[in-house]
Amino acid sequence: MLRILSLVGIRPIELGHGTGHLSGETTVCVMLADLDDLDDPEGSWGGDTVWRAERRCDLMDDFGWLRELLG
């Protein structure tokens, strides 16, 4: 079953890198933008496939942690 979660009003979520000082909405939006950037051939990863793979793995871990926190 698909559950739709509104991002508006999500409390700050501490995932490291100072995210505890941002609204939950901002944190999730930044994570989604980061994922989009990694999927973009012209993205900031600049052809560094090793860094891109490591960043994607770290980001997926963050999304997993976010899922746990949000239930």
C-alpha atoms as a PDB file:
ATOM      1  CA  MET A   1       0.000   0.000   0.000  1.00  0.00           C
ATOM      2  CA  LEU A   2       1.329   3.414  -0.962  1.00  0.00           C
ATOM      3  CA  ARG A   3       1.289   5.964   1.810  1.00  0.00           C
ATOM      4  CA  ILE A   4       1.562   9.619   0.888  1.00  0.00           C
ATOM      5  CA  LEU A   5       3.394  11.738   3.440  1.00  0.00           C
ATOM      6  CA  SER A   6       3.155  15.497   3.428  1.00  0.00           C
ATOM      7  CA  LEU A   7       6.529  17.136   3.963  1.00  0.00           C
ATOM      8  CA  VAL A   8       4.996  20.291   5.382  1.00  0.00           C
ATOM      9  CA  GLY A   9       5.442  20.528   9.126  1.00  0.00           C
ATOM     10  CA  ILE A  10       7.963  17.692   9.536  1.00  0.00           C
ATOM     11  CA  ARG A  11      10.147  18.464  12.519  1.00  0.00           C
ATOM     12  CA  PRO A  12      13.916  18.799  12.060  1.00  0.00           C
ATOM     13  CA  ILE A  13      15.564  15.454  11.385  1.00  0.00           C
ATOM     14  CA  GLU A  14      19.167  14.872  12.433  1.00  0.00           C
ATOM     15  CA  LEU A  15      20.880  12.849   9.715  1.00  0.00           C
ATOM     16  CA  GLY A  16      24.274  14.482  10.197  1.00  0.00           C
ATOM     17  CA  HIS A  17      25.851  17.409   8.372  1.00  0.00           C
ATOM     18  CA  GLY A  18      23.787  19.928  10.356  1.00  0.00           C
ATOM     19  CA  THR A  19      20.395  18.696   9.190  1.00  0.00           C
ATOM     20  CA  GLY A  20      19.034  18.998  12.725  1.00  0.00           C
ATOM     21  CA  HIS A  21      18.970  22.769  12.192  1.00  0.00           C
ATOM     22  CA  LEU A  22      16.772  22.534   9.084  1.00  0.00           C
ATOM     23  CA  SER A  23      13.091  21.786   8.785  1.00  0.00           C
ATOM     24  CA  GLY A  24      12.330  18.191   7.871  1.00  0.00           C
ATOM     25  CA  GLU A  25      10.809  19.469   4.640  1.00  0.00           C
ATOM     26  CA  THR A  26      14.054  21.205   3.669  1.00  0.00           C
ATOM     27  CA  THR A  27      16.155  18.157   4.531  1.00  0.00           C
ATOM     28  CA  VAL A  28      14.023  15.847   2.373  1.00  0.00           C
ATOM     29  CA  CYS A  29      13.988  18.354  -0.502  1.00  0.00           C
ATOM     30  CA  VAL A  30      17.799  18.605  -0.398  1.00  0.00           C
ATOM     31  CA  MET A  31      18.110  14.804  -0.342  1.00  0.00           C
ATOM     32  CA  LEU A  32      15.819  14.484  -3.369  1.00  0.00           C
ATOM     33  CA  ALA A  33      17.738  17.208  -5.222  1.00  0.00           C
ATOM     34  CA  ASP A  34      21.010  15.416  -4.411  1.00  0.00           C
ATOM     35  CA  LEU A  35      19.600  12.164  -5.806  1.00  0.00           C
ATOM     36  CA  ASP A  36      18.421  13.977  -8.935  1.00  0.00           C
ATOM     37  CA  ASP A  37      21.895  15.509  -9.358  1.00  0.00           C
ATOM     38  CA  LEU A  38      23.497  12.063  -9.136  1.00  0.00           C
ATOM     39  CA  ASP A  39      21.177  10.820 -11.889  1.00  0.00           C
ATOM     40  CA  ASP A  40      22.073  13.753 -14.152  1.00  0.00           C
ATOM     41  CA  PRO A  41      24.918  12.938 -16.590  1.00  0.00           C
ATOM     42  CA  GLU A  42      25.897  16.609 -16.384  1.00  0.00           C
ATOM     43  CA  GLY A  43      25.559  16.650 -12.573  1.00  0.00           C
ATOM     44  CA  SER A  44      28.117  17.823 -10.047  1.00  0.00           C
ATOM     45  CA  TRP A  45      29.721  14.378  -9.818  1.00  0.00           C
ATOM     46  CA  GLY A  46      31.754  15.400 -12.864  1.00  0.00           C
ATOM     47  CA  GLY A  47      32.382  11.907 -14.213  1.00  0.00           C
ATOM     48  CA  ASP A  48      33.875  10.591 -10.959  1.00  0.00           C
ATOM     49  CA  THR A  49      32.026   7.272 -10.983  1.00  0.00           C
ATOM     50  CA  VAL A  50      33.615   6.029  -7.767  1.00  0.00           C
ATOM     51  CA  TRP A  51      32.560   9.133  -5.819  1.00  0.00           C
ATOM     52  CA  ARG A  52      29.115   8.985  -7.439  1.00  0.00           C
ATOM     53  CA  ALA A  53      28.611   5.358  -6.346  1.00  0.00           C
ATOM     54  CA  GLU A  54      29.794   6.116  -2.795  1.00  0.00           C
ATOM     55  CA  ARG A  55      27.563   9.213  -2.551  1.00  0.00           C
ATOM     56  CA  ARG A  56      24.560   7.280  -3.854  1.00  0.00           C
ATOM     57  CA  CYS A  57      25.165   4.537  -1.271  1.00  0.00           C
ATOM     58  CA  ASP A  58      25.421   7.120   1.529  1.00  0.00           C
ATOM     59  CA  LEU A  59      22.281   8.852   0.299  1.00  0.00           C
ATOM     60  CA  MET A  60      20.342   5.584   0.182  1.00  0.00           C
ATOM     61  CA  ASP A  61      21.454   4.920   3.768  1.00  0.00           C
ATOM     62  CA  ASP A  62      20.118   8.362   4.731  1.00  0.00           C
ATOM     63  CA  PHE A  63      16.795   7.634   3.019  1.00  0.00           C
ATOM     64  CA  GLY A  64      16.607   4.346   4.935  1.00  0.00           C
ATOM     65  CA  TRP A  65      17.292   6.145   8.210  1.00  0.00           C
ATOM     66  CA  LEU A  66      14.690   8.768   7.293  1.00  0.00           C
ATOM     67  CA  ARG A  67      12.147   6.031   6.668  1.00  0.00           C
ATOM     68  CA  GLU A  68      12.839   4.553  10.091  1.00  0.00           C
ATOM     69  CA  LEU A  69      12.486   7.933  11.781  1.00  0.00           C
ATOM     70  CA  LEU A  70       9.236   8.800  10.012  1.00  0.00           C
ATOM     71  CA  GLY A  71       7.725   5.357  10.503  1.00  0.00           C
END
